[in-house]
């Protein structure tokens, strides 16, 4: 059996948290425009890192209303995030060594309170 690797496929870098809702069953709500641009799917597992306090949490995405800029941490993850925190949202894929070498992650940099974004690249 060939080795399998978890490789970064998509990254939303420094999105601004707009809400944190403790009384919810879990997940992160992300403006559907940002999901589409980054290649992250609704219900996909993501790793979220908080630039303010270093918290790192795994959860899944829910598509938020387009054009709203919403980034809302739901359920227990709300304990680790506050509105105005900057976060990095990362999604990974499992691939073989050839796929790992060929993967070029999609990276977006949200601007204007998550209402627009620019594409970028990761440095190696």
PDB file of N, CA and C in Angstrom:
ATOM      1  N   UNK A   1       0.846  -1.191   0.000  1.00  0.00           N
ATOM      2  CA  UNK A   1       0.000   0.000   0.000  1.00  0.00           C
ATOM      3  C   UNK A   1       0.885   1.247   0.000  1.00  0.00           C
ATOM      4  N   UNK A   2       0.542   2.183  -0.841  1.00  0.00           N
ATOM      5  CA  UNK A   2       1.322   3.417  -0.968  1.00  0.00           C
ATOM      6  C   UNK A   2       1.032   4.356   0.206  1.00  0.00           C
ATOM      7  N   UNK A   3       2.061   5.101   0.615  1.00  0.00           N
ATOM      8  CA  UNK A   3       1.886   6.077   1.685  1.00  0.00           C
ATOM      9  C   UNK A   3       0.878   7.144   1.285  1.00  0.00           C
ATOM     10  N   UNK A   4       0.152   7.652   2.257  1.00  0.00           N
ATOM     11  CA  UNK A   4      -0.808   8.727   2.054  1.00  0.00           C
ATOM     12  C   UNK A   4      -0.389   9.920   2.914  1.00  0.00           C
ATOM     13  N   UNK A   5      -0.623  11.128   2.410  1.00  0.00           N
ATOM     14  CA  UNK A   5      -0.191  12.343   3.088  1.00  0.00           C
ATOM     15  C   UNK A   5      -1.356  13.321   3.192  1.00  0.00           C
ATOM     16  N   UNK A   6      -1.440  14.019   4.321  1.00  0.00           N
ATOM     17  CA  UNK A   6      -2.403  15.105   4.507  1.00  0.00           C
ATOM     18  C   UNK A   6      -1.709  16.378   4.016  1.00  0.00           C
ATOM     19  N   UNK A   7      -2.209  16.972   2.941  1.00  0.00           N
ATOM     20  CA  UNK A   7      -1.584  18.118   2.296  1.00  0.00           C
ATOM     21  C   UNK A   7      -2.555  19.287   2.294  1.00  0.00           C
ATOM     22  N   UNK A   8      -2.048  20.485   2.578  1.00  0.00           N
ATOM     23  CA  UNK A   8      -2.881  21.678   2.528  1.00  0.00           C
ATOM     24  C   UNK A   8      -3.432  21.859   1.117  1.00  0.00           C
ATOM     25  N   UNK A   9      -4.766  22.009   1.008  1.00  0.00           N
ATOM     26  CA  UNK A   9      -5.379  22.243  -0.307  1.00  0.00           C
ATOM     27  C   UNK A   9      -5.939  23.649  -0.428  1.00  0.00           C
ATOM     28  N   UNK A  10      -6.360  24.236   0.714  1.00  0.00           N
ATOM     29  CA  UNK A  10      -7.006  25.549   0.691  1.00  0.00           C
ATOM     30  C   UNK A  10      -6.739  26.287   1.988  1.00  0.00           C
ATOM     31  N   UNK A  11      -6.625  27.626   1.852  1.00  0.00           N
ATOM     32  CA  UNK A  11      -6.360  28.441   3.037  1.00  0.00           C
ATOM     33  C   UNK A  11      -7.016  29.809   2.868  1.00  0.00           C
ATOM     34  N   UNK A  12      -7.764  30.204   3.888  1.00  0.00           N
ATOM     35  CA  UNK A  12      -8.301  31.560   3.974  1.00  0.00           C
ATOM     36  C   UNK A  12      -7.469  32.236   5.054  1.00  0.00           C
ATOM     37  N   UNK A  13      -6.620  33.166   4.656  1.00  0.00           N
ATOM     38  CA  UNK A  13      -5.599  33.724   5.550  1.00  0.00           C
ATOM     39  C   UNK A  13      -6.024  35.073   6.130  1.00  0.00           C
ATOM     40  N   UNK A  14      -6.181  35.122   7.442  1.00  0.00           N
ATOM     41  CA  UNK A  14      -6.511  36.332   8.201  1.00  0.00           C
ATOM     42  C   UNK A  14      -7.896  36.891   7.906  1.00  0.00           C
ATOM     43  N   UNK A  15      -8.874  36.001   7.895  1.00  0.00           N
ATOM     44  CA  UNK A  15     -10.265  36.458   7.859  1.00  0.00           C
ATOM     45  C   UNK A  15     -10.590  37.044   9.228  1.00  0.00           C
ATOM     46  N   UNK A  16     -11.527  37.966   9.273  1.00  0.00           N
ATOM     47  CA  UNK A  16     -11.930  38.608  10.521  1.00  0.00           C
ATOM     48  C   UNK A  16     -13.197  37.935  11.042  1.00  0.00           C
ATOM     49  N   UNK A  17     -13.160  37.495  12.295  1.00  0.00           N
ATOM     50  CA  UNK A  17     -14.334  36.894  12.925  1.00  0.00           C
ATOM     51  C   UNK A  17     -15.396  37.976  13.100  1.00  0.00           C
ATOM     52  N   UNK A  18     -16.603  37.685  12.640  1.00  0.00           N
ATOM     53  CA  UNK A  18     -17.704  38.640  12.775  1.00  0.00           C
ATOM     54  C   UNK A  18     -18.640  38.279  13.920  1.00  0.00           C
ATOM     55  N   UNK A  19     -18.672  36.986  14.285  1.00  0.00           N
ATOM     56  CA  UNK A  19     -19.556  36.528  15.355  1.00  0.00           C
ATOM     57  C   UNK A  19     -18.959  35.300  16.033  1.00  0.00           C
ATOM     58  N   UNK A  20     -19.403  35.061  17.256  1.00  0.00           N
ATOM     59  CA  UNK A  20     -19.117  33.822  17.979  1.00  0.00           C
ATOM     60  C   UNK A  20     -20.401  33.460  18.722  1.00  0.00           C
ATOM     61  N   UNK A  21     -21.016  32.338  18.349  1.00  0.00           N
ATOM     62  CA  UNK A  21     -22.319  31.937  18.886  1.00  0.00           C
ATOM     63  C   UNK A  21     -22.182  30.634  19.664  1.00  0.00           C
ATOM     64  N   UNK A  22     -22.109  30.721  20.973  1.00  0.00           N
ATOM     65  CA  UNK A  22     -21.941  29.538  21.814  1.00  0.00           C
ATOM     66  C   UNK A  22     -23.149  28.617  21.730  1.00  0.00           C
ATOM     67  N   UNK A  23     -24.347  29.161  21.675  1.00  0.00           N
ATOM     68  CA  UNK A  23     -25.569  28.362  21.728  1.00  0.00           C
ATOM     69  C   UNK A  23     -25.931  27.826  20.343  1.00  0.00           C
ATOM     70  N   UNK A  24     -25.076  26.943  19.828  1.00  0.00           N
ATOM     71  CA  UNK A  24     -25.265  26.357  18.513  1.00  0.00           C
ATOM     72  C   UNK A  24     -24.577  25.003  18.525  1.00  0.00           C
ATOM     73  N   UNK A  25     -24.921  24.113  17.624  1.00  0.00           N
ATOM     74  CA  UNK A  25     -24.411  22.744  17.696  1.00  0.00           C
ATOM     75  C   UNK A  25     -22.974  22.557  17.231  1.00  0.00           C
ATOM     76  N   UNK A  26     -22.338  23.563  16.700  1.00  0.00           N
ATOM     77  CA  UNK A  26     -20.935  23.452  16.295  1.00  0.00           C
ATOM     78  C   UNK A  26     -20.706  23.956  14.889  1.00  0.00           C
ATOM     79  N   UNK A  27     -19.463  24.087  14.495  1.00  0.00           N
ATOM     80  CA  UNK A  27     -19.055  24.444  13.141  1.00  0.00           C
ATOM     81  C   UNK A  27     -18.533  25.865  13.043  1.00  0.00           C
ATOM     82  N   UNK A  28     -18.193  26.263  11.815  1.00  0.00           N
ATOM     83  CA  UNK A  28     -17.845  27.644  11.497  1.00  0.00           C
ATOM     84  C   UNK A  28     -18.664  28.035  10.267  1.00  0.00           C
ATOM     85  N   UNK A  29     -19.362  29.143  10.358  1.00  0.00           N
ATOM     86  CA  UNK A  29     -20.119  29.670   9.229  1.00  0.00           C
ATOM     87  C   UNK A  29     -19.212  30.617   8.466  1.00  0.00           C
ATOM     88  N   UNK A  30     -19.086  30.393   7.153  1.00  0.00           N
ATOM     89  CA  UNK A  30     -18.204  31.183   6.303  1.00  0.00           C
ATOM     90  C   UNK A  30     -19.005  31.669   5.099  1.00  0.00           C
ATOM     91  N   UNK A  31     -18.893  32.957   4.793  1.00  0.00           N
ATOM     92  CA  UNK A  31     -19.521  33.531   3.603  1.00  0.00           C
ATOM     93  C   UNK A  31     -19.266  32.599   2.420  1.00  0.00           C
ATOM     94  N   UNK A  32     -20.322  32.233   1.712  1.00  0.00           N
ATOM     95  CA  UNK A  32     -20.205  31.284   0.612  1.00  0.00           C
ATOM     96  C   UNK A  32     -19.275  31.780  -0.494  1.00  0.00           C
ATOM     97  N   UNK A  33     -19.149  33.087  -0.671  1.00  0.00           N
ATOM     98  CA  UNK A  33     -18.196  33.621  -1.652  1.00  0.00           C
ATOM     99  C   UNK A  33     -16.765  33.224  -1.279  1.00  0.00           C
ATOM    100  N   UNK A  34     -16.429  33.273   0.011  1.00  0.00           N
ATOM    101  CA  UNK A  34     -15.086  32.892   0.461  1.00  0.00           C
ATOM    102  C   UNK A  34     -14.870  31.390   0.319  1.00  0.00           C
ATOM    103  N   UNK A  35     -15.907  30.599   0.624  1.00  0.00           N
ATOM    104  CA  UNK A  35     -15.783  29.150   0.432  1.00  0.00           C
ATOM    105  C   UNK A  35     -15.514  28.828  -1.037  1.00  0.00           C
ATOM    106  N   UNK A  36     -16.296  29.415  -1.927  1.00  0.00           N
ATOM    107  CA  UNK A  36     -16.117  29.149  -3.354  1.00  0.00           C
ATOM    108  C   UNK A  36     -14.720  29.547  -3.829  1.00  0.00           C
ATOM    109  N   UNK A  37     -14.274  30.728  -3.441  1.00  0.00           N
ATOM    110  CA  UNK A  37     -12.965  31.219  -3.883  1.00  0.00           C
ATOM    111  C   UNK A  37     -11.832  30.333  -3.384  1.00  0.00           C
ATOM    112  N   UNK A  38     -11.968  29.821  -2.165  1.00  0.00           N
ATOM    113  CA  UNK A  38     -10.900  29.021  -1.565  1.00  0.00           C
ATOM    114  C   UNK A  38     -10.964  27.550  -1.941  1.00  0.00           C
ATOM    115  N   UNK A  39     -12.083  27.117  -2.500  1.00  0.00           N
ATOM    116  CA  UNK A  39     -12.221  25.695  -2.823  1.00  0.00           C
ATOM    117  C   UNK A  39     -12.584  24.843  -1.622  1.00  0.00           C
ATOM    118  N   UNK A  40     -13.056  25.461  -0.559  1.00  0.00           N
ATOM    119  CA  UNK A  40     -13.507  24.727   0.627  1.00  0.00           C
ATOM    120  C   UNK A  40     -15.007  24.470   0.477  1.00  0.00           C
ATOM    121  N   UNK A  41     -15.431  23.253   0.767  1.00  0.00           N
ATOM    122  CA  UNK A  41     -16.821  22.858   0.602  1.00  0.00           C
ATOM    123  C   UNK A  41     -17.608  22.994   1.906  1.00  0.00           C
ATOM    124  N   UNK A  42     -18.914  23.234   1.806  1.00  0.00           N
ATOM    125  CA  UNK A  42     -19.750  23.155   3.006  1.00  0.00           C
ATOM    126  C   UNK A  42     -19.615  21.759   3.620  1.00  0.00           C
ATOM    127  N   UNK A  43     -19.543  21.700   4.921  1.00  0.00           N
ATOM    128  CA  UNK A  43     -19.410  20.471   5.722  1.00  0.00           C
ATOM    129  C   UNK A  43     -18.021  19.846   5.645  1.00  0.00           C
ATOM    130  N   UNK A  44     -17.065  20.520   5.002  1.00  0.00           N
ATOM    131  CA  UNK A  44     -15.697  20.010   4.956  1.00  0.00           C
ATOM    132  C   UNK A  44     -15.000  20.294   6.293  1.00  0.00           C
ATOM    133  N   UNK A  45     -14.196  19.348   6.722  1.00  0.00           N
ATOM    134  CA  UNK A  45     -13.403  19.511   7.939  1.00  0.00           C
ATOM    135  C   UNK A  45     -12.346  20.575   7.710  1.00  0.00           C
ATOM    136  N   UNK A  46     -12.210  21.494   8.677  1.00  0.00           N
ATOM    137  CA  UNK A  46     -11.201  22.547   8.597  1.00  0.00           C
ATOM    138  C   UNK A  46     -10.484  22.682   9.938  1.00  0.00           C
ATOM    139  N   UNK A  47      -9.285  23.214   9.857  1.00  0.00           N
ATOM    140  CA  UNK A  47      -8.502  23.593  11.029  1.00  0.00           C
ATOM    141  C   UNK A  47      -8.490  25.115  11.064  1.00  0.00           C
ATOM    142  N   UNK A  48      -8.824  25.688  12.215  1.00  0.00           N
ATOM    143  CA  UNK A  48      -8.890  27.137  12.363  1.00  0.00           C
ATOM    144  C   UNK A  48      -7.864  27.550  13.405  1.00  0.00           C
ATOM    145  N   UNK A  49      -7.056  28.541  13.070  1.00  0.00           N
ATOM    146  CA  UNK A  49      -6.049  29.064  13.985  1.00  0.00           C
ATOM    147  C   UNK A  49      -6.364  30.522  14.281  1.00  0.00           C
ATOM    148  N   UNK A  50      -6.352  30.882  15.562  1.00  0.00           N
ATOM    149  CA  UNK A  50      -6.649  32.242  15.998  1.00  0.00           C
ATOM    150  C   UNK A  50      -5.342  33.014  16.144  1.00  0.00           C
ATOM    151  N   UNK A  51      -5.208  34.119  15.408  1.00  0.00           N
ATOM    152  CA  UNK A  51      -3.990  34.926  15.442  1.00  0.00           C
ATOM    153  C   UNK A  51      -3.815  35.668  16.769  1.00  0.00           C
ATOM    154  N   UNK A  52      -4.903  35.868  17.532  1.00  0.00           N
ATOM    155  CA  UNK A  52      -4.826  36.614  18.789  1.00  0.00           C
ATOM    156  C   UNK A  52      -4.298  35.748  19.933  1.00  0.00           C
ATOM    157  N   UNK A  53      -4.813  34.525  20.052  1.00  0.00           N
ATOM    158  CA  UNK A  53      -4.463  33.722  21.219  1.00  0.00           C
ATOM    159  C   UNK A  53      -3.816  32.378  20.893  1.00  0.00           C
ATOM    160  N   UNK A  54      -3.643  32.071  19.617  1.00  0.00           N
ATOM    161  CA  UNK A  54      -2.981  30.836  19.226  1.00  0.00           C
ATOM    162  C   UNK A  54      -3.854  29.596  19.254  1.00  0.00           C
ATOM    163  N   UNK A  55      -5.124  29.721  19.610  1.00  0.00           N
ATOM    164  CA  UNK A  55      -6.014  28.556  19.639  1.00  0.00           C
ATOM    165  C   UNK A  55      -6.089  27.922  18.259  1.00  0.00           C
ATOM    166  N   UNK A  56      -6.130  26.594  18.242  1.00  0.00           N
ATOM    167  CA  UNK A  56      -6.291  25.841  16.993  1.00  0.00           C
ATOM    168  C   UNK A  56      -7.416  24.843  17.216  1.00  0.00           C
ATOM    169  N   UNK A  57      -8.426  24.896  16.360  1.00  0.00           N
ATOM    170  CA  UNK A  57      -9.624  24.085  16.534  1.00  0.00           C
ATOM    171  C   UNK A  57      -9.993  23.431  15.214  1.00  0.00           C
ATOM    172  N   UNK A  58     -10.412  22.161  15.283  1.00  0.00           N
ATOM    173  CA  UNK A  58     -10.951  21.487  14.111  1.00  0.00           C
ATOM    174  C   UNK A  58     -12.466  21.480  14.208  1.00  0.00           C
ATOM    175  N   UNK A  59     -13.114  21.735  13.085  1.00  0.00           N
ATOM    176  CA  UNK A  59     -14.569  21.675  12.998  1.00  0.00           C
ATOM    177  C   UNK A  59     -14.926  21.503  11.530  1.00  0.00           C
ATOM    178  N   UNK A  60     -16.152  21.821  11.164  1.00  0.00           N
ATOM    179  CA  UNK A  60     -16.581  21.744   9.773  1.00  0.00           C
ATOM    180  C   UNK A  60     -17.249  23.049   9.377  1.00  0.00           C
ATOM    181  N   UNK A  61     -17.329  23.291   8.071  1.00  0.00           N
ATOM    182  CA  UNK A  61     -17.876  24.557   7.587  1.00  0.00           C
ATOM    183  C   UNK A  61     -19.371  24.461   7.310  1.00  0.00           C
ATOM    184  N   UNK A  62     -20.020  25.593   7.454  1.00  0.00           N
ATOM    185  CA  UNK A  62     -21.392  25.808   7.014  1.00  0.00           C
ATOM    186  C   UNK A  62     -21.345  27.030   6.101  1.00  0.00           C
ATOM    187  N   UNK A  63     -22.040  26.965   4.982  1.00  0.00           N
ATOM    188  CA  UNK A  63     -22.068  28.097   4.053  1.00  0.00           C
ATOM    189  C   UNK A  63     -22.935  29.208   4.619  1.00  0.00           C
ATOM    190  N   UNK A  64     -22.342  30.396   4.737  1.00  0.00           N
ATOM    191  CA  UNK A  64     -23.071  31.580   5.170  1.00  0.00           C
ATOM    192  C   UNK A  64     -23.571  32.358   3.971  1.00  0.00           C
ATOM    193  N   UNK A  65     -24.438  33.308   4.219  1.00  0.00           N
ATOM    194  CA  UNK A  65     -25.017  34.109   3.137  1.00  0.00           C
ATOM    195  C   UNK A  65     -23.927  34.808   2.332  1.00  0.00           C
ATOM    196  N   UNK A  66     -24.070  34.759   1.011  1.00  0.00           N
ATOM    197  CA  UNK A  66     -23.111  35.400   0.111  1.00  0.00           C
ATOM    198  C   UNK A  66     -23.092  36.915   0.321  1.00  0.00           C
ATOM    199  N   UNK A  67     -21.875  37.460   0.226  1.00  0.00           N
ATOM    200  CA  UNK A  67     -21.725  38.906   0.269  1.00  0.00           C
ATOM    201  C   UNK A  67     -21.890  39.531   1.642  1.00  0.00           C
ATOM    202  N   UNK A  68     -21.932  38.714   2.686  1.00  0.00           N
ATOM    203  CA  UNK A  68     -22.093  39.249   4.045  1.00  0.00           C
ATOM    204  C   UNK A  68     -20.770  39.356   4.783  1.00  0.00           C
ATOM    205  N   UNK A  69     -19.757  38.610   4.339  1.00  0.00           N
ATOM    206  CA  UNK A  69     -18.479  38.587   5.035  1.00  0.00           C
ATOM    207  C   UNK A  69     -18.509  37.797   6.331  1.00  0.00           C
ATOM    208  N   UNK A  70     -19.562  37.029   6.562  1.00  0.00           N
ATOM    209  CA  UNK A  70     -19.711  36.328   7.828  1.00  0.00           C
ATOM    210  C   UNK A  70     -18.607  35.293   8.047  1.00  0.00           C
ATOM    211  N   UNK A  71     -18.030  35.354   9.230  1.00  0.00           N
ATOM    212  CA  UNK A  71     -17.142  34.322   9.771  1.00  0.00           C
ATOM    213  C   UNK A  71     -17.616  34.154  11.214  1.00  0.00           C
ATOM    214  N   UNK A  72     -18.368  33.099  11.471  1.00  0.00           N
ATOM    215  CA  UNK A  72     -18.974  32.909  12.791  1.00  0.00           C
ATOM    216  C   UNK A  72     -18.571  31.563  13.358  1.00  0.00           C
ATOM    217  N   UNK A  73     -17.934  31.578  14.525  1.00  0.00           N
ATOM    218  CA  UNK A  73     -17.583  30.359  15.229  1.00  0.00           C
ATOM    219  C   UNK A  73     -18.781  29.938  16.060  1.00  0.00           C
ATOM    220  N   UNK A  74     -19.218  28.698  15.876  1.00  0.00           N
ATOM    221  CA  UNK A  74     -20.436  28.205  16.505  1.00  0.00           C
ATOM    222  C   UNK A  74     -20.135  27.120  17.528  1.00  0.00           C
ATOM    223  N   UNK A  75     -20.964  27.047  18.555  1.00  0.00           N
ATOM    224  CA  UNK A  75     -20.841  26.002  19.554  1.00  0.00           C
ATOM    225  C   UNK A  75     -19.620  26.202  20.429  1.00  0.00           C
ATOM    226  N   UNK A  76     -19.046  25.109  20.938  1.00  0.00           N
ATOM    227  CA  UNK A  76     -17.925  25.204  21.880  1.00  0.00           C
ATOM    228  C   UNK A  76     -16.720  25.981  21.348  1.00  0.00           C
ATOM    229  N   UNK A  77     -16.525  26.009  20.028  1.00  0.00           N
ATOM    230  CA  UNK A  77     -15.387  26.762  19.480  1.00  0.00           C
ATOM    231  C   UNK A  77     -15.508  28.252  19.775  1.00  0.00           C
ATOM    232  N   UNK A  78     -16.721  28.715  20.064  1.00  0.00           N
ATOM    233  CA  UNK A  78     -16.929  30.138  20.374  1.00  0.00           C
ATOM    234  C   UNK A  78     -16.158  30.566  21.618  1.00  0.00           C
ATOM    235  N   UNK A  79     -15.791  29.618  22.481  1.00  0.00           N
ATOM    236  CA  UNK A  79     -14.998  29.958  23.670  1.00  0.00           C
ATOM    237  C   UNK A  79     -13.606  30.483  23.312  1.00  0.00           C
ATOM    238  N   UNK A  80     -13.100  30.124  22.130  1.00  0.00           N
ATOM    239  CA  UNK A  80     -11.734  30.441  21.748  1.00  0.00           C
ATOM    240  C   UNK A  80     -11.605  31.612  20.777  1.00  0.00           C
ATOM    241  N   UNK A  81     -12.734  32.172  20.342  1.00  0.00           N
ATOM    242  CA  UNK A  81     -12.740  33.216  19.319  1.00  0.00           C
ATOM    243  C   UNK A  81     -13.699  34.332  19.704  1.00  0.00           C
ATOM    244  N   UNK A  82     -13.319  35.558  19.355  1.00  0.00           N
ATOM    245  CA  UNK A  82     -14.158  36.734  19.608  1.00  0.00           C
ATOM    246  C   UNK A  82     -14.272  37.541  18.321  1.00  0.00           C
ATOM    247  N   UNK A  83     -15.367  38.302  18.172  1.00  0.00           N
ATOM    248  CA  UNK A  83     -15.445  39.195  17.022  1.00  0.00           C
ATOM    249  C   UNK A  83     -14.199  40.083  16.944  1.00  0.00           C
ATOM    250  N   UNK A  84     -13.721  40.294  15.751  1.00  0.00           N
ATOM    251  CA  UNK A  84     -12.529  41.086  15.411  1.00  0.00           C
ATOM    252  C   UNK A  84     -11.240  40.264  15.457  1.00  0.00           C
ATOM    253  N   UNK A  85     -11.264  39.034  15.993  1.00  0.00           N
ATOM    254  CA  UNK A  85     -10.082  38.175  15.907  1.00  0.00           C
ATOM    255  C   UNK A  85      -9.788  37.875  14.449  1.00  0.00           C
ATOM    256  N   UNK A  86      -8.516  37.756  14.115  1.00  0.00           N
ATOM    257  CA  UNK A  86      -8.123  37.303  12.784  1.00  0.00           C
ATOM    258  C   UNK A  86      -7.842  35.809  12.861  1.00  0.00           C
ATOM    259  N   UNK A  87      -8.347  35.078  11.862  1.00  0.00           N
ATOM    260  CA  UNK A  87      -8.197  33.634  11.858  1.00  0.00           C
ATOM    261  C   UNK A  87      -7.649  33.149  10.522  1.00  0.00           C
ATOM    262  N   UNK A  88      -7.040  31.977  10.588  1.00  0.00           N
ATOM    263  CA  UNK A  88      -6.605  31.271   9.390  1.00  0.00           C
ATOM    264  C   UNK A  88      -7.442  29.993   9.334  1.00  0.00           C
ATOM    265  N   UNK A  89      -8.110  29.784   8.211  1.00  0.00           N
ATOM    266  CA  UNK A  89      -8.963  28.614   8.020  1.00  0.00           C
ATOM    267  C   UNK A  89      -8.289  27.742   6.970  1.00  0.00           C
ATOM    268  N   UNK A  90      -7.979  26.494   7.338  1.00  0.00           N
ATOM    269  CA  UNK A  90      -7.220  25.604   6.456  1.00  0.00           C
ATOM    270  C   UNK A  90      -7.967  24.303   6.213  1.00  0.00           C
ATOM    271  N   UNK A  91      -7.965  23.849   4.974  1.00  0.00           N
ATOM    272  CA  UNK A  91      -8.526  22.553   4.602  1.00  0.00           C
ATOM    273  C   UNK A  91      -7.425  21.721   3.963  1.00  0.00           C
ATOM    274  N   UNK A  92      -7.478  20.429   4.202  1.00  0.00           N
ATOM    275  CA  UNK A  92      -6.436  19.515   3.740  1.00  0.00           C
ATOM    276  C   UNK A  92      -7.034  18.412   2.879  1.00  0.00           C
ATOM    277  N   UNK A  93      -6.204  17.768   2.105  1.00  0.00           N
ATOM    278  CA  UNK A  93      -6.638  16.595   1.348  1.00  0.00           C
ATOM    279  C   UNK A  93      -5.651  15.468   1.614  1.00  0.00           C
ATOM    280  N   UNK A  94      -6.109  14.258   1.373  1.00  0.00           N
ATOM    281  CA  UNK A  94      -5.251  13.084   1.507  1.00  0.00           C
ATOM    282  C   UNK A  94      -4.865  12.658   0.096  1.00  0.00           C
ATOM    283  N   UNK A  95      -3.565  12.477  -0.117  1.00  0.00           N
ATOM    284  CA  UNK A  95      -3.083  12.136  -1.449  1.00  0.00           C
ATOM    285  C   UNK A  95      -1.833  11.265  -1.345  1.00  0.00           C
ATOM    286  N   UNK A  96      -1.433  10.729  -2.469  1.00  0.00           N
ATOM    287  CA  UNK A  96      -0.192   9.952  -2.519  1.00  0.00           C
ATOM    288  C   UNK A  96       0.997  10.899  -2.713  1.00  0.00           C
ATOM    289  N   UNK A  97       2.184  10.345  -2.776  1.00  0.00           N
ATOM    290  CA  UNK A  97       3.396  11.172  -2.872  1.00  0.00           C
ATOM    291  C   UNK A  97       3.399  12.020  -4.137  1.00  0.00           C
ATOM    292  N   UNK A  98       2.964  11.470  -5.256  1.00  0.00           N
ATOM    293  CA  UNK A  98       2.921  12.237  -6.503  1.00  0.00           C
ATOM    294  C   UNK A  98       1.960  13.417  -6.352  1.00  0.00           C
ATOM    295  N   UNK A  99       0.780  13.177  -5.834  1.00  0.00           N
ATOM    296  CA  UNK A  99      -0.190  14.246  -5.622  1.00  0.00           C
ATOM    297  C   UNK A  99       0.316  15.287  -4.644  1.00  0.00           C
ATOM    298  N   UNK A 100       1.044  14.833  -3.630  1.00  0.00           N
ATOM    299  CA  UNK A 100       1.600  15.766  -2.649  1.00  0.00           C
ATOM    300  C   UNK A 100       2.590  16.719  -3.296  1.00  0.00           C
ATOM    301  N   UNK A 101       3.429  16.186  -4.172  1.00  0.00           N
ATOM    302  CA  UNK A 101       4.418  17.025  -4.855  1.00  0.00           C
ATOM    303  C   UNK A 101       3.764  17.997  -5.837  1.00  0.00           C
ATOM    304  N   UNK A 102       2.637  17.624  -6.404  1.00  0.00           N
ATOM    305  CA  UNK A 102       1.990  18.433  -7.433  1.00  0.00           C
ATOM    306  C   UNK A 102       0.950  19.415  -6.889  1.00  0.00           C
ATOM    307  N   UNK A 103       0.598  19.290  -5.623  1.00  0.00           N
ATOM    308  CA  UNK A 103      -0.452  20.136  -5.056  1.00  0.00           C
ATOM    309  C   UNK A 103      -0.003  21.587  -4.950  1.00  0.00           C
ATOM    310  N   UNK A 104      -0.834  22.480  -5.421  1.00  0.00           N
ATOM    311  CA  UNK A 104      -0.640  23.924  -5.288  1.00  0.00           C
ATOM    312  C   UNK A 104      -1.854  24.448  -4.521  1.00  0.00           C
ATOM    313  N   UNK A 105      -1.708  24.707  -3.227  1.00  0.00           N
ATOM    314  CA  UNK A 105      -2.866  25.137  -2.437  1.00  0.00           C
ATOM    315  C   UNK A 105      -3.465  26.450  -2.954  1.00  0.00           C
ATOM    316  N   UNK A 106      -4.769  26.548  -2.844  1.00  0.00           N
ATOM    317  CA  UNK A 106      -5.468  27.807  -3.120  1.00  0.00           C
ATOM    318  C   UNK A 106      -5.381  28.638  -1.848  1.00  0.00           C
ATOM    319  N   UNK A 107      -4.911  29.866  -1.966  1.00  0.00           N
ATOM    320  CA  UNK A 107      -4.792  30.762  -0.816  1.00  0.00           C
ATOM    321  C   UNK A 107      -5.508  32.065  -1.140  1.00  0.00           C
ATOM    322  N   UNK A 108      -6.411  32.464  -0.245  1.00  0.00           N
ATOM    323  CA  UNK A 108      -7.045  33.771  -0.420  1.00  0.00           C
ATOM    324  C   UNK A 108      -6.798  34.623   0.820  1.00  0.00           C
ATOM    325  N   UNK A 109      -6.704  35.925   0.585  1.00  0.00           N
ATOM    326  CA  UNK A 109      -6.485  36.918   1.628  1.00  0.00           C
ATOM    327  C   UNK A 109      -7.702  37.842   1.669  1.00  0.00           C
ATOM    328  N   UNK A 110      -8.621  37.619   2.624  1.00  0.00           N
ATOM    329  CA  UNK A 110      -9.790  38.494   2.704  1.00  0.00           C
ATOM    330  C   UNK A 110      -9.404  39.939   3.017  1.00  0.00           C
ATOM    331  N   UNK A 111     -10.211  40.859   2.478  1.00  0.00           N
ATOM    332  CA  UNK A 111     -10.025  42.295   2.701  1.00  0.00           C
ATOM    333  C   UNK A 111     -11.393  42.902   3.002  1.00  0.00           C
ATOM    334  N   UNK A 112     -11.399  44.150   3.457  1.00  0.00           N
ATOM    335  CA  UNK A 112     -12.646  44.899   3.649  1.00  0.00           C
ATOM    336  C   UNK A 112     -13.668  44.119   4.470  1.00  0.00           C
ATOM    337  N   UNK A 113     -13.246  43.653   5.671  1.00  0.00           N
ATOM    338  CA  UNK A 113     -14.137  42.881   6.552  1.00  0.00           C
ATOM    339  C   UNK A 113     -14.700  41.640   5.858  1.00  0.00           C
ATOM    340  N   UNK A 114     -13.857  40.942   5.120  1.00  0.00           N
ATOM    341  CA  UNK A 114     -14.186  39.685   4.442  1.00  0.00           C
ATOM    342  C   UNK A 114     -15.111  39.858   3.239  1.00  0.00           C
ATOM    343  N   UNK A 115     -15.332  41.085   2.789  1.00  0.00           N
ATOM    344  CA  UNK A 115     -16.254  41.318   1.678  1.00  0.00           C
ATOM    345  C   UNK A 115     -15.587  41.190   0.319  1.00  0.00           C
ATOM    346  N   UNK A 116     -14.266  41.174   0.290  1.00  0.00           N
ATOM    347  CA  UNK A 116     -13.523  40.947  -0.941  1.00  0.00           C
ATOM    348  C   UNK A 116     -12.265  40.161  -0.564  1.00  0.00           C
ATOM    349  N   UNK A 117     -11.499  39.783  -1.553  1.00  0.00           N
ATOM    350  CA  UNK A 117     -10.299  38.980  -1.283  1.00  0.00           C
ATOM    351  C   UNK A 117      -9.348  39.079  -2.472  1.00  0.00           C
ATOM    352  N   UNK A 118      -8.120  38.710  -2.190  1.00  0.00           N
ATOM    353  CA  UNK A 118      -7.101  38.576  -3.226  1.00  0.00           C
ATOM    354  C   UNK A 118      -6.552  37.157  -3.169  1.00  0.00           C
ATOM    355  N   UNK A 119      -6.168  36.647  -4.309  1.00  0.00           N
ATOM    356  CA  UNK A 119      -5.513  35.332  -4.348  1.00  0.00           C
ATOM    357  C   UNK A 119      -4.034  35.525  -4.067  1.00  0.00           C
ATOM    358  N   UNK A 120      -3.417  34.523  -3.462  1.00  0.00           N
ATOM    359  CA  UNK A 120      -2.000  34.581  -3.174  1.00  0.00           C
ATOM    360  C   UNK A 120      -1.372  33.210  -3.334  1.00  0.00           C
ATOM    361  N   UNK A 121      -0.099  33.136  -3.011  1.00  0.00           N
ATOM    362  CA  UNK A 121       0.641  31.875  -3.073  1.00  0.00           C
ATOM    363  C   UNK A 121       1.414  31.687  -1.787  1.00  0.00           C
ATOM    364  N   UNK A 122       1.664  30.442  -1.471  1.00  0.00           N
ATOM    365  CA  UNK A 122       2.515  30.127  -0.332  1.00  0.00           C
ATOM    366  C   UNK A 122       3.952  30.055  -0.786  1.00  0.00           C
ATOM    367  N   UNK A 123       4.836  30.535   0.046  1.00  0.00           N
ATOM    368  CA  UNK A 123       6.269  30.467  -0.250  1.00  0.00           C
ATOM    369  C   UNK A 123       6.790  29.116   0.241  1.00  0.00           C
ATOM    370  N   UNK A 124       7.707  28.539  -0.519  1.00  0.00           N
ATOM    371  CA  UNK A 124       8.300  27.264  -0.104  1.00  0.00           C
ATOM    372  C   UNK A 124       9.677  27.464   0.416  1.00  0.00           C
TER     373      UNK A 124
END
